[in-house]
Amino acid sequence: MELTGKQKRHLRGLAHHLHPTVYAGKEGVSEAVERKATQELEAHELIKLKLGDGCADDKKEAAERVAAYCNAAVVQIIGKTIILYRRRKADPAIVLP
């Protein structure tokens, strides 16, 4: 899923007040983290994923791995926080410009 710059800017604004709902610990991005991200995306469409201090995974590789598994788009990576977006199939709540 590819987003335009305007769409990413809009989603970054919506994600500003969100708290991370998915955490990756010292084991890194595991299958459990990927499943949890998929569930959260289905519920909320826009989520933050936080990589813990002990996480050895590269943040860009981790973001791409989770996005590919969830069929989502990486909106932004700030420090160890990754913002992901996937439009909900039934009754989407976020309207992109």
PDB file of N, CA and C in Angstrom:
ATOM      1  N   MET A   1       0.843  -1.164   0.000  1.00  0.00           N
ATOM      2  CA  MET A   1       0.000   0.000   0.000  1.00  0.00           C
ATOM      3  C   MET A   1       0.897   1.238   0.000  1.00  0.00           C
ATOM      4  N   GLU A   2       0.707   2.100  -0.951  1.00  0.00           N
ATOM      5  CA  GLU A   2       1.484   3.322  -1.068  1.00  0.00           C
ATOM      6  C   GLU A   2       0.614   4.523  -0.725  1.00  0.00           C
ATOM      7  N   LEU A   3       1.184   5.460  -0.009  1.00  0.00           N
ATOM      8  CA  LEU A   3       0.489   6.679   0.372  1.00  0.00           C
ATOM      9  C   LEU A   3       1.208   7.879  -0.236  1.00  0.00           C
ATOM     10  N   THR A   4       0.441   8.904  -0.587  1.00  0.00           N
ATOM     11  CA  THR A   4       1.039  10.136  -1.089  1.00  0.00           C
ATOM     12  C   THR A   4       1.555  10.947   0.091  1.00  0.00           C
ATOM     13  N   GLY A   5       2.331  11.969  -0.196  1.00  0.00           N
ATOM     14  CA  GLY A   5       2.850  12.825   0.861  1.00  0.00           C
ATOM     15  C   GLY A   5       1.743  13.519   1.635  1.00  0.00           C
ATOM     16  N   LYS A   6       0.716  13.948   0.927  1.00  0.00           N
ATOM     17  CA  LYS A   6      -0.412  14.624   1.576  1.00  0.00           C
ATOM     18  C   LYS A   6      -1.152  13.671   2.513  1.00  0.00           C
ATOM     19  N   GLN A   7      -1.326  12.429   2.084  1.00  0.00           N
ATOM     20  CA  GLN A   7      -1.996  11.435   2.919  1.00  0.00           C
ATOM     21  C   GLN A   7      -1.159  11.118   4.159  1.00  0.00           C
ATOM     22  N   LYS A   8       0.155  10.978   3.986  1.00  0.00           N
ATOM     23  CA  LYS A   8       1.022  10.717   5.133  1.00  0.00           C
ATOM     24  C   LYS A   8       0.977  11.874   6.125  1.00  0.00           C
ATOM     25  N   ARG A   9       0.983  13.094   5.629  1.00  0.00           N
ATOM     26  CA  ARG A   9       0.921  14.269   6.494  1.00  0.00           C
ATOM     27  C   ARG A   9      -0.374  14.275   7.302  1.00  0.00           C
ATOM     28  N   HIS A  10      -1.484  13.936   6.641  1.00  0.00           N
ATOM     29  CA  HIS A  10      -2.781  13.860   7.311  1.00  0.00           C
ATOM     30  C   HIS A  10      -2.776  12.790   8.401  1.00  0.00           C
ATOM     31  N   LEU A  11      -2.231  11.620   8.091  1.00  0.00           N
ATOM     32  CA  LEU A  11      -2.184  10.520   9.057  1.00  0.00           C
ATOM     33  C   LEU A  11      -1.240  10.824  10.222  1.00  0.00           C
ATOM     34  N   ARG A  12      -0.135  11.510   9.955  1.00  0.00           N
ATOM     35  CA  ARG A  12       0.770  11.897  11.035  1.00  0.00           C
ATOM     36  C   ARG A  12       0.061  12.819  12.020  1.00  0.00           C
ATOM     37  N   GLY A  13      -0.761  13.714  11.500  1.00  0.00           N
ATOM     38  CA  GLY A  13      -1.530  14.599  12.363  1.00  0.00           C
ATOM     39  C   GLY A  13      -2.520  13.834  13.219  1.00  0.00           C
ATOM     40  N   LEU A  14      -3.167  12.835  12.639  1.00  0.00           N
ATOM     41  CA  LEU A  14      -4.119  12.024  13.396  1.00  0.00           C
ATOM     42  C   LEU A  14      -3.415  11.152  14.434  1.00  0.00           C
ATOM     43  N   ALA A  15      -2.202  10.724  14.133  1.00  0.00           N
ATOM     44  CA  ALA A  15      -1.476   9.810  15.020  1.00  0.00           C
ATOM     45  C   ALA A  15      -0.748  10.534  16.148  1.00  0.00           C
ATOM     46  N   HIS A  16      -0.664  11.846  16.069  1.00  0.00           N
ATOM     47  CA  HIS A  16       0.123  12.601  17.042  1.00  0.00           C
ATOM     48  C   HIS A  16      -0.295  12.310  18.486  1.00  0.00           C
ATOM     49  N   HIS A  17      -1.571  12.241  18.757  1.00  0.00           N
ATOM     50  CA  HIS A  17      -2.063  12.052  20.124  1.00  0.00           C
ATOM     51  C   HIS A  17      -2.164  10.588  20.547  1.00  0.00           C
ATOM     52  N   LEU A  18      -1.922   9.657  19.630  1.00  0.00           N
ATOM     53  CA  LEU A  18      -2.056   8.236  19.952  1.00  0.00           C
ATOM     54  C   LEU A  18      -0.899   7.743  20.819  1.00  0.00           C
ATOM     55  N   HIS A  19      -1.198   6.779  21.654  1.00  0.00           N
ATOM     56  CA  HIS A  19      -0.179   6.084  22.431  1.00  0.00           C
ATOM     57  C   HIS A  19       0.097   4.742  21.756  1.00  0.00           C
ATOM     58  N   PRO A  20       1.313   4.216  21.878  1.00  0.00           N
ATOM     59  CA  PRO A  20       1.609   2.908  21.264  1.00  0.00           C
ATOM     60  C   PRO A  20       0.695   1.818  21.814  1.00  0.00           C
ATOM     61  N   THR A  21       0.172   0.996  20.922  1.00  0.00           N
ATOM     62  CA  THR A  21      -0.699  -0.110  21.321  1.00  0.00           C
ATOM     63  C   THR A  21      -0.009  -1.458  21.145  1.00  0.00           C
ATOM     64  N   VAL A  22       1.104  -1.476  20.425  1.00  0.00           N
ATOM     65  CA  VAL A  22       1.854  -2.710  20.189  1.00  0.00           C
ATOM     66  C   VAL A  22       3.301  -2.453  20.595  1.00  0.00           C
ATOM     67  N   TYR A  23       3.870  -3.372  21.361  1.00  0.00           N
ATOM     68  CA  TYR A  23       5.239  -3.240  21.835  1.00  0.00           C
ATOM     69  C   TYR A  23       6.059  -4.445  21.414  1.00  0.00           C
ATOM     70  N   ALA A  24       7.276  -4.188  20.948  1.00  0.00           N
ATOM     71  CA  ALA A  24       8.226  -5.256  20.635  1.00  0.00           C
ATOM     72  C   ALA A  24       9.348  -5.178  21.655  1.00  0.00           C
ATOM     73  N   GLY A  25       9.578  -6.257  22.362  1.00  0.00           N
ATOM     74  CA  GLY A  25      10.582  -6.285  23.424  1.00  0.00           C
ATOM     75  C   GLY A  25      11.935  -6.721  22.922  1.00  0.00           C
ATOM     76  N   LYS A  26      12.690  -7.334  23.817  1.00  0.00           N
ATOM     77  CA  LYS A  26      14.059  -7.729  23.472  1.00  0.00           C
ATOM     78  C   LYS A  26      14.108  -8.831  22.426  1.00  0.00           C
ATOM     79  N   GLU A  27      13.013  -9.577  22.255  1.00  0.00           N
ATOM     80  CA  GLU A  27      12.973 -10.612  21.219  1.00  0.00           C
ATOM     81  C   GLU A  27      12.816 -10.003  19.828  1.00  0.00           C
ATOM     82  N   GLY A  28      12.456  -8.738  19.762  1.00  0.00           N
ATOM     83  CA  GLY A  28      12.277  -8.068  18.485  1.00  0.00           C
ATOM     84  C   GLY A  28      10.873  -8.285  17.939  1.00  0.00           C
ATOM     85  N   VAL A  29      10.746  -8.109  16.653  1.00  0.00           N
ATOM     86  CA  VAL A  29       9.450  -8.275  15.997  1.00  0.00           C
ATOM     87  C   VAL A  29       9.218  -9.765  15.776  1.00  0.00           C
ATOM     88  N   SER A  30       8.377 -10.336  16.609  1.00  0.00           N
ATOM     89  CA  SER A  30       8.067 -11.758  16.521  1.00  0.00           C
ATOM     90  C   SER A  30       6.719 -11.944  15.837  1.00  0.00           C
ATOM     91  N   GLU A  31       6.349 -13.183  15.666  1.00  0.00           N
ATOM     92  CA  GLU A  31       5.062 -13.487  15.048  1.00  0.00           C
ATOM     93  C   GLU A  31       3.911 -12.982  15.918  1.00  0.00           C
ATOM     94  N   ALA A  32       4.076 -13.028  17.223  1.00  0.00           N
ATOM     95  CA  ALA A  32       3.048 -12.527  18.139  1.00  0.00           C
ATOM     96  C   ALA A  32       2.858 -11.019  17.973  1.00  0.00           C
ATOM     97  N   VAL A  33       3.947 -10.293  17.786  1.00  0.00           N
ATOM     98  CA  VAL A  33       3.869  -8.839  17.560  1.00  0.00           C
ATOM     99  C   VAL A  33       3.150  -8.559  16.245  1.00  0.00           C
ATOM    100  N   GLU A  34       3.454  -9.332  15.226  1.00  0.00           N
ATOM    101  CA  GLU A  34       2.797  -9.154  13.926  1.00  0.00           C
ATOM    102  C   GLU A  34       1.301  -9.429  14.022  1.00  0.00           C
ATOM    103  N   ARG A  35       0.916 -10.489  14.752  1.00  0.00           N
ATOM    104  CA  ARG A  35      -0.519 -10.796  14.913  1.00  0.00           C
ATOM    105  C   ARG A  35      -1.233  -9.697  15.691  1.00  0.00           C
ATOM    106  N   LYS A  36      -0.591  -9.200  16.755  1.00  0.00           N
ATOM    107  CA  LYS A  36      -1.178  -8.128  17.558  1.00  0.00           C
ATOM    108  C   LYS A  36      -1.344  -6.860  16.724  1.00  0.00           C
ATOM    109  N   ALA A  37      -0.368  -6.540  15.889  1.00  0.00           N
ATOM    110  CA  ALA A  37      -0.459  -5.367  15.016  1.00  0.00           C
ATOM    111  C   ALA A  37      -1.613  -5.516  14.035  1.00  0.00           C
ATOM    112  N   THR A  38      -1.808  -6.716  13.504  1.00  0.00           N
ATOM    113  CA  THR A  38      -2.916  -6.961  12.585  1.00  0.00           C
ATOM    114  C   THR A  38      -4.252  -6.750  13.279  1.00  0.00           C
ATOM    115  N   GLN A  39      -4.393  -7.257  14.504  1.00  0.00           N
ATOM    116  CA  GLN A  39      -5.636  -7.072  15.266  1.00  0.00           C
ATOM    117  C   GLN A  39      -5.892  -5.598  15.560  1.00  0.00           C
ATOM    118  N   GLU A  40      -4.864  -4.881  15.955  1.00  0.00           N
ATOM    119  CA  GLU A  40      -5.018  -3.462  16.284  1.00  0.00           C
ATOM    120  C   GLU A  40      -5.349  -2.639  15.040  1.00  0.00           C
ATOM    121  N   LEU A  41      -4.751  -2.982  13.908  1.00  0.00           N
ATOM    122  CA  LEU A  41      -5.058  -2.263  12.667  1.00  0.00           C
ATOM    123  C   LEU A  41      -6.509  -2.487  12.254  1.00  0.00           C
ATOM    124  N   GLU A  42      -7.002  -3.687  12.449  1.00  0.00           N
ATOM    125  CA  GLU A  42      -8.399  -3.967  12.109  1.00  0.00           C
ATOM    126  C   GLU A  42      -9.338  -3.176  13.013  1.00  0.00           C
ATOM    127  N   ALA A  43      -8.945  -2.984  14.249  1.00  0.00           N
ATOM    128  CA  ALA A  43      -9.789  -2.257  15.195  1.00  0.00           C
ATOM    129  C   ALA A  43      -9.676  -0.746  15.040  1.00  0.00           C
ATOM    130  N   HIS A  44      -8.462  -0.239  14.760  1.00  0.00           N
ATOM    131  CA  HIS A  44      -8.238   1.208  14.811  1.00  0.00           C
ATOM    132  C   HIS A  44      -7.779   1.858  13.509  1.00  0.00           C
ATOM    133  N   GLU A  45      -7.317   1.103  12.543  1.00  0.00           N
ATOM    134  CA  GLU A  45      -6.804   1.579  11.254  1.00  0.00           C
ATOM    135  C   GLU A  45      -5.447   2.278  11.338  1.00  0.00           C
ATOM    136  N   LEU A  46      -5.197   3.029  12.397  1.00  0.00           N
ATOM    137  CA  LEU A  46      -3.957   3.780  12.554  1.00  0.00           C
ATOM    138  C   LEU A  46      -3.387   3.466  13.935  1.00  0.00           C
ATOM    139  N   ILE A  47      -2.164   2.927  13.959  1.00  0.00           N
ATOM    140  CA  ILE A  47      -1.585   2.520  15.255  1.00  0.00           C
ATOM    141  C   ILE A  47      -0.131   2.957  15.355  1.00  0.00           C
ATOM    142  N   LYS A  48       0.347   2.951  16.589  1.00  0.00           N
ATOM    143  CA  LYS A  48       1.761   3.148  16.851  1.00  0.00           C
ATOM    144  C   LYS A  48       2.321   1.850  17.419  1.00  0.00           C
ATOM    145  N   LEU A  49       3.493   1.479  16.923  1.00  0.00           N
ATOM    146  CA  LEU A  49       4.211   0.304  17.404  1.00  0.00           C
ATOM    147  C   LEU A  49       5.522   0.797  17.998  1.00  0.00           C
ATOM    148  N   LYS A  50       5.824   0.391  19.215  1.00  0.00           N
ATOM    149  CA  LYS A  50       7.026   0.853  19.914  1.00  0.00           C
ATOM    150  C   LYS A  50       8.025  -0.286  20.022  1.00  0.00           C
ATOM    151  N   LEU A  51       9.254  -0.029  19.589  1.00  0.00           N
ATOM    152  CA  LEU A  51      10.344  -0.983  19.749  1.00  0.00           C
ATOM    153  C   LEU A  51      11.016  -0.680  21.080  1.00  0.00           C
ATOM    154  N   GLY A  52      11.133  -1.683  21.932  1.00  0.00           N
ATOM    155  CA  GLY A  52      11.723  -1.499  23.251  1.00  0.00           C
ATOM    156  C   GLY A  52      13.208  -1.188  23.192  1.00  0.00           C
ATOM    157  N   ASP A  53      13.735  -0.716  24.315  1.00  0.00           N
ATOM    158  CA  ASP A  53      15.155  -0.363  24.380  1.00  0.00           C
ATOM    159  C   ASP A  53      16.058  -1.568  24.143  1.00  0.00           C
ATOM    160  N   GLY A  54      15.628  -2.745  24.537  1.00  0.00           N
ATOM    161  CA  GLY A  54      16.425  -3.947  24.349  1.00  0.00           C
ATOM    162  C   GLY A  54      16.259  -4.593  22.991  1.00  0.00           C
ATOM    163  N   CYS A  55      15.420  -4.023  22.153  1.00  0.00           N
ATOM    164  CA  CYS A  55      15.143  -4.598  20.833  1.00  0.00           C
ATOM    165  C   CYS A  55      16.350  -4.407  19.918  1.00  0.00           C
ATOM    166  N   ALA A  56      16.865  -5.511  19.385  1.00  0.00           N
ATOM    167  CA  ALA A  56      18.051  -5.462  18.537  1.00  0.00           C
ATOM    168  C   ALA A  56      17.710  -5.270  17.057  1.00  0.00           C
ATOM    169  N   ASP A  57      16.420  -5.357  16.700  1.00  0.00           N
ATOM    170  CA  ASP A  57      16.020  -5.222  15.299  1.00  0.00           C
ATOM    171  C   ASP A  57      16.247  -3.800  14.794  1.00  0.00           C
ATOM    172  N   ASP A  58      16.640  -3.687  13.538  1.00  0.00           N
ATOM    173  CA  ASP A  58      16.741  -2.389  12.890  1.00  0.00           C
ATOM    174  C   ASP A  58      15.333  -1.836  12.711  1.00  0.00           C
ATOM    175  N   LYS A  59      15.130  -0.563  13.029  1.00  0.00           N
ATOM    176  CA  LYS A  59      13.783  -0.013  13.015  1.00  0.00           C
ATOM    177  C   LYS A  59      13.156   0.010  11.612  1.00  0.00           C
ATOM    178  N   LYS A  60      13.952   0.259  10.600  1.00  0.00           N
ATOM    179  CA  LYS A  60      13.410   0.279   9.236  1.00  0.00           C
ATOM    180  C   LYS A  60      13.023  -1.119   8.774  1.00  0.00           C
ATOM    181  N   GLU A  61      13.873  -2.087   9.065  1.00  0.00           N
ATOM    182  CA  GLU A  61      13.569  -3.470   8.707  1.00  0.00           C
ATOM    183  C   GLU A  61      12.363  -3.984   9.476  1.00  0.00           C
ATOM    184  N   ALA A  62      12.274  -3.631  10.752  1.00  0.00           N
ATOM    185  CA  ALA A  62      11.137  -4.045  11.573  1.00  0.00           C
ATOM    186  C   ALA A  62       9.847  -3.437  11.039  1.00  0.00           C
ATOM    187  N   ALA A  63       9.889  -2.166  10.668  1.00  0.00           N
ATOM    188  CA  ALA A  63       8.703  -1.493  10.139  1.00  0.00           C
ATOM    189  C   ALA A  63       8.233  -2.143   8.843  1.00  0.00           C
ATOM    190  N   GLU A  64       9.159  -2.428   7.953  1.00  0.00           N
ATOM    191  CA  GLU A  64       8.806  -3.058   6.681  1.00  0.00           C
ATOM    192  C   GLU A  64       8.283  -4.471   6.885  1.00  0.00           C
ATOM    193  N   ARG A  65       8.865  -5.193   7.824  1.00  0.00           N
ATOM    194  CA  ARG A  65       8.420  -6.568   8.090  1.00  0.00           C
ATOM    195  C   ARG A  65       6.987  -6.599   8.611  1.00  0.00           C
ATOM    196  N   VAL A  66       6.693  -5.751   9.584  1.00  0.00           N
ATOM    197  CA  VAL A  66       5.340  -5.701  10.144  1.00  0.00           C
ATOM    198  C   VAL A  66       4.353  -5.201   9.100  1.00  0.00           C
ATOM    199  N   ALA A  67       4.729  -4.179   8.349  1.00  0.00           N
ATOM    200  CA  ALA A  67       3.839  -3.634   7.315  1.00  0.00           C
ATOM    201  C   ALA A  67       3.530  -4.680   6.249  1.00  0.00           C
ATOM    202  N   ALA A  68       4.532  -5.444   5.841  1.00  0.00           N
ATOM    203  CA  ALA A  68       4.312  -6.486   4.837  1.00  0.00           C
ATOM    204  C   ALA A  68       3.400  -7.578   5.382  1.00  0.00           C
ATOM    205  N   TYR A  69       3.619  -7.983   6.627  1.00  0.00           N
ATOM    206  CA  TYR A  69       2.786  -9.021   7.233  1.00  0.00           C
ATOM    207  C   TYR A  69       1.335  -8.564   7.357  1.00  0.00           C
ATOM    208  N   CYS A  70       1.134  -7.309   7.732  1.00  0.00           N
ATOM    209  CA  CYS A  70      -0.217  -6.773   7.973  1.00  0.00           C
ATOM    210  C   CYS A  70      -0.860  -6.188   6.728  1.00  0.00           C
ATOM    211  N   ASN A  71      -0.105  -6.120   5.636  1.00  0.00           N
ATOM    212  CA  ASN A  71      -0.585  -5.466   4.422  1.00  0.00           C
ATOM    213  C   ASN A  71      -0.945  -4.011   4.731  1.00  0.00           C
ATOM    214  N   ALA A  72      -0.045  -3.337   5.428  1.00  0.00           N
ATOM    215  CA  ALA A  72      -0.260  -1.964   5.863  1.00  0.00           C
ATOM    216  C   ALA A  72       0.804  -1.058   5.249  1.00  0.00           C
ATOM    217  N   ALA A  73       0.658   0.235   5.503  1.00  0.00           N
ATOM    218  CA  ALA A  73       1.621   1.221   5.028  1.00  0.00           C
ATOM    219  C   ALA A  73       2.343   1.825   6.222  1.00  0.00           C
ATOM    220  N   VAL A  74       3.637   2.017   6.063  1.00  0.00           N
ATOM    221  CA  VAL A  74       4.411   2.717   7.088  1.00  0.00           C
ATOM    222  C   VAL A  74       4.211   4.206   6.845  1.00  0.00           C
ATOM    223  N   VAL A  75       3.636   4.886   7.823  1.00  0.00           N
ATOM    224  CA  VAL A  75       3.385   6.318   7.705  1.00  0.00           C
ATOM    225  C   VAL A  75       4.635   7.084   8.101  1.00  0.00           C
ATOM    226  N   GLN A  76       5.239   6.691   9.233  1.00  0.00           N
ATOM    227  CA  GLN A  76       6.413   7.399   9.713  1.00  0.00           C
ATOM    228  C   GLN A  76       7.154   6.552  10.740  1.00  0.00           C
ATOM    229  N   ILE A  77       8.458   6.788  10.836  1.00  0.00           N
ATOM    230  CA  ILE A  77       9.281   6.181  11.879  1.00  0.00           C
ATOM    231  C   ILE A  77       9.941   7.331  12.627  1.00  0.00           C
ATOM    232  N   ILE A  78       9.638   7.436  13.915  1.00  0.00           N
ATOM    233  CA  ILE A  78      10.232   8.469  14.760  1.00  0.00           C
ATOM    234  C   ILE A  78      10.929   7.766  15.909  1.00  0.00           C
ATOM    235  N   GLY A  79      12.234   7.857  15.958  1.00  0.00           N
ATOM    236  CA  GLY A  79      12.978   7.156  17.001  1.00  0.00           C
ATOM    237  C   GLY A  79      12.710   5.674  16.905  1.00  0.00           C
ATOM    238  N   LYS A  80      12.140   5.107  17.964  1.00  0.00           N
ATOM    239  CA  LYS A  80      11.796   3.684  17.957  1.00  0.00           C
ATOM    240  C   LYS A  80      10.288   3.481  17.892  1.00  0.00           C
ATOM    241  N   THR A  81       9.573   4.486  17.414  1.00  0.00           N
ATOM    242  CA  THR A  81       8.126   4.404  17.268  1.00  0.00           C
ATOM    243  C   THR A  81       7.775   4.369  15.780  1.00  0.00           C
ATOM    244  N   ILE A  82       6.941   3.405  15.429  1.00  0.00           N
ATOM    245  CA  ILE A  82       6.527   3.215  14.038  1.00  0.00           C
ATOM    246  C   ILE A  82       5.024   3.468  13.947  1.00  0.00           C
ATOM    247  N   ILE A  83       4.625   4.280  12.977  1.00  0.00           N
ATOM    248  CA  ILE A  83       3.208   4.548  12.759  1.00  0.00           C
ATOM    249  C   ILE A  83       2.780   3.755  11.522  1.00  0.00           C
ATOM    250  N   LEU A  84       1.735   2.940  11.684  1.00  0.00           N
ATOM    251  CA  LEU A  84       1.216   2.096  10.600  1.00  0.00           C
ATOM    252  C   LEU A  84      -0.235   2.431  10.309  1.00  0.00           C
ATOM    253  N   TYR A  85      -0.610   2.312   9.029  1.00  0.00           N
ATOM    254  CA  TYR A  85      -1.994   2.552   8.616  1.00  0.00           C
ATOM    255  C   TYR A  85      -2.445   1.442   7.676  1.00  0.00           C
ATOM    256  N   ARG A  86      -3.664   0.983   7.907  1.00  0.00           N
ATOM    257  CA  ARG A  86      -4.326   0.069   6.973  1.00  0.00           C
ATOM    258  C   ARG A  86      -5.815   0.362   7.022  1.00  0.00           C
ATOM    259  N   ARG A  87      -6.380   0.602   5.860  1.00  0.00           N
ATOM    260  CA  ARG A  87      -7.800   0.902   5.799  1.00  0.00           C
ATOM    261  C   ARG A  87      -8.613  -0.329   6.172  1.00  0.00           C
ATOM    262  N   ARG A  88      -9.605  -0.120   7.015  1.00  0.00           N
ATOM    263  CA  ARG A  88     -10.502  -1.192   7.454  1.00  0.00           C
ATOM    264  C   ARG A  88     -11.434  -1.540   6.292  1.00  0.00           C
ATOM    265  N   LYS A  89     -11.662  -2.831   6.081  1.00  0.00           N
ATOM    266  CA  LYS A  89     -12.522  -3.285   4.976  1.00  0.00           C
ATOM    267  C   LYS A  89     -13.973  -2.886   5.185  1.00  0.00           C
ATOM    268  N   ALA A  90     -14.460  -3.063   6.410  1.00  0.00           N
ATOM    269  CA  ALA A  90     -15.855  -2.747   6.710  1.00  0.00           C
ATOM    270  C   ALA A  90     -15.896  -1.473   7.559  1.00  0.00           C
ATOM    271  N   ASP A  91     -16.612  -0.492   7.090  1.00  0.00           N
ATOM    272  CA  ASP A  91     -16.842   0.741   7.836  1.00  0.00           C
ATOM    273  C   ASP A  91     -15.544   1.471   8.198  1.00  0.00           C
ATOM    274  N   PRO A  92     -14.774   1.953   7.200  1.00  0.00           N
ATOM    275  CA  PRO A  92     -13.551   2.681   7.518  1.00  0.00           C
ATOM    276  C   PRO A  92     -13.850   3.981   8.244  1.00  0.00           C
ATOM    277  N   ALA A  93     -13.029   4.305   9.253  1.00  0.00           N
ATOM    278  CA  ALA A  93     -13.239   5.505  10.056  1.00  0.00           C
ATOM    279  C   ALA A  93     -12.419   6.681   9.561  1.00  0.00           C
ATOM    280  N   ILE A  94     -11.307   6.425   8.916  1.00  0.00           N
ATOM    281  CA  ILE A  94     -10.407   7.488   8.458  1.00  0.00           C
ATOM    282  C   ILE A  94     -10.608   7.713   6.965  1.00  0.00           C
ATOM    283  N   VAL A  95     -10.850   8.958   6.609  1.00  0.00           N
ATOM    284  CA  VAL A  95     -11.003   9.345   5.201  1.00  0.00           C
ATOM    285  C   VAL A  95      -9.724  10.057   4.781  1.00  0.00           C
ATOM    286  N   LEU A  96      -9.042   9.511   3.791  1.00  0.00           N
ATOM    287  CA  LEU A  96      -7.806  10.107   3.316  1.00  0.00           C
ATOM    288  C   LEU A  96      -8.092  11.196   2.295  1.00  0.00           C
ATOM    289  N   PRO A  97      -7.279  12.263   2.304  1.00  0.00           N
ATOM    290  CA  PRO A  97      -7.458  13.330   1.308  1.00  0.00           C
ATOM    291  C   PRO A  97      -7.026  12.876  -0.068  1.00  0.00           C
TER     292      PRO A  97
END
